[in-house]
Protein backbone atom coordinates (compact mmCIF):
# COMPACT_ATOMS: atom_id res chain seq x y z
CA MET A 1 -51.33 -9.10 231.49
CA ASP A 2 -54.68 -8.47 229.77
CA ILE A 3 -55.90 -4.98 228.78
CA ILE A 4 -59.52 -4.42 227.72
CA THR A 5 -59.42 -2.20 224.63
CA ALA A 6 -63.07 -2.33 223.46
CA VAL A 7 -66.57 -3.48 224.39
CA ASP A 8 -68.85 -4.51 221.51
CA GLY A 9 -66.45 -2.75 219.13
CA GLN A 10 -66.57 0.54 221.12
CA PRO A 11 -62.99 1.60 221.97
CA ILE A 12 -62.27 1.91 225.70
CA ALA A 13 -59.35 4.07 226.89
CA GLY A 14 -59.51 3.29 230.61
CA ILE A 15 -61.47 1.87 233.51
CA SER A 16 -63.71 4.94 233.82
CA GLU A 17 -64.78 4.62 230.17
CA LEU A 18 -65.41 0.90 230.67
CA ILE A 19 -67.60 1.51 233.73
CA GLY A 20 -69.43 4.37 231.99
CA TYR A 21 -70.14 2.27 228.91
CA LEU A 22 -71.38 -0.70 230.94
CA ALA A 23 -73.60 1.53 233.12
CA SER A 24 -75.19 3.44 230.23
CA GLU A 25 -75.28 0.93 227.38
CA THR A 26 -75.85 -2.49 228.95
CA THR A 27 -78.06 -4.39 231.38
CA PRO A 28 -77.46 -7.43 233.62
CA GLY A 29 -77.90 -10.66 231.69
CA GLN A 30 -76.73 -9.08 228.44
CA ALA A 31 -73.85 -10.68 226.53
CA VAL A 32 -71.07 -8.35 225.35
CA THR A 33 -67.85 -8.94 223.44
CA LEU A 34 -64.65 -7.76 225.09
CA THR A 35 -61.63 -7.05 222.89
CA VAL A 36 -58.52 -7.73 224.94
CA LEU A 37 -54.85 -7.06 224.29
CA ARG A 38 -52.91 -9.92 225.91
CA LEU A 39 -49.27 -9.25 226.74
CA ASP A 40 -47.23 -12.27 227.79
CA GLU A 41 -43.85 -13.92 227.34
CA GLU A 42 -44.88 -15.02 223.83
CA GLY A 43 -45.65 -11.46 222.70
CA THR A 44 -48.83 -9.49 222.12
CA GLN A 45 -52.15 -10.89 220.90
CA GLU A 46 -55.54 -9.30 220.35
CA MET A 47 -58.32 -11.61 221.52
CA GLN A 48 -62.10 -11.43 221.83
CA PHE A 49 -64.25 -12.93 224.57
CA GLU A 50 -68.02 -13.05 224.86
CA VAL A 51 -69.11 -12.54 228.47
CA THR A 52 -72.51 -12.34 230.13
CA LEU A 53 -72.96 -9.48 232.57
CA THR A 54 -74.29 -10.03 236.09
CA PRO A 55 -75.72 -7.48 238.54
CA ARG A 56 -73.25 -5.66 240.76
CA PRO A 57 -73.40 -6.79 244.38
């Protein structure tokens, strides 16, 4: 299971905060860094991914 914990270093406590941040602070085509807490059979890891945003359908 992956849990998004931050966007561009801004802590995110839930899906509503994630949506609010993306709507107010970003634009389609922009690259952001997601900090993700990955929980699996090997334990817990914090990872970062750079993603490029696309427009919502």
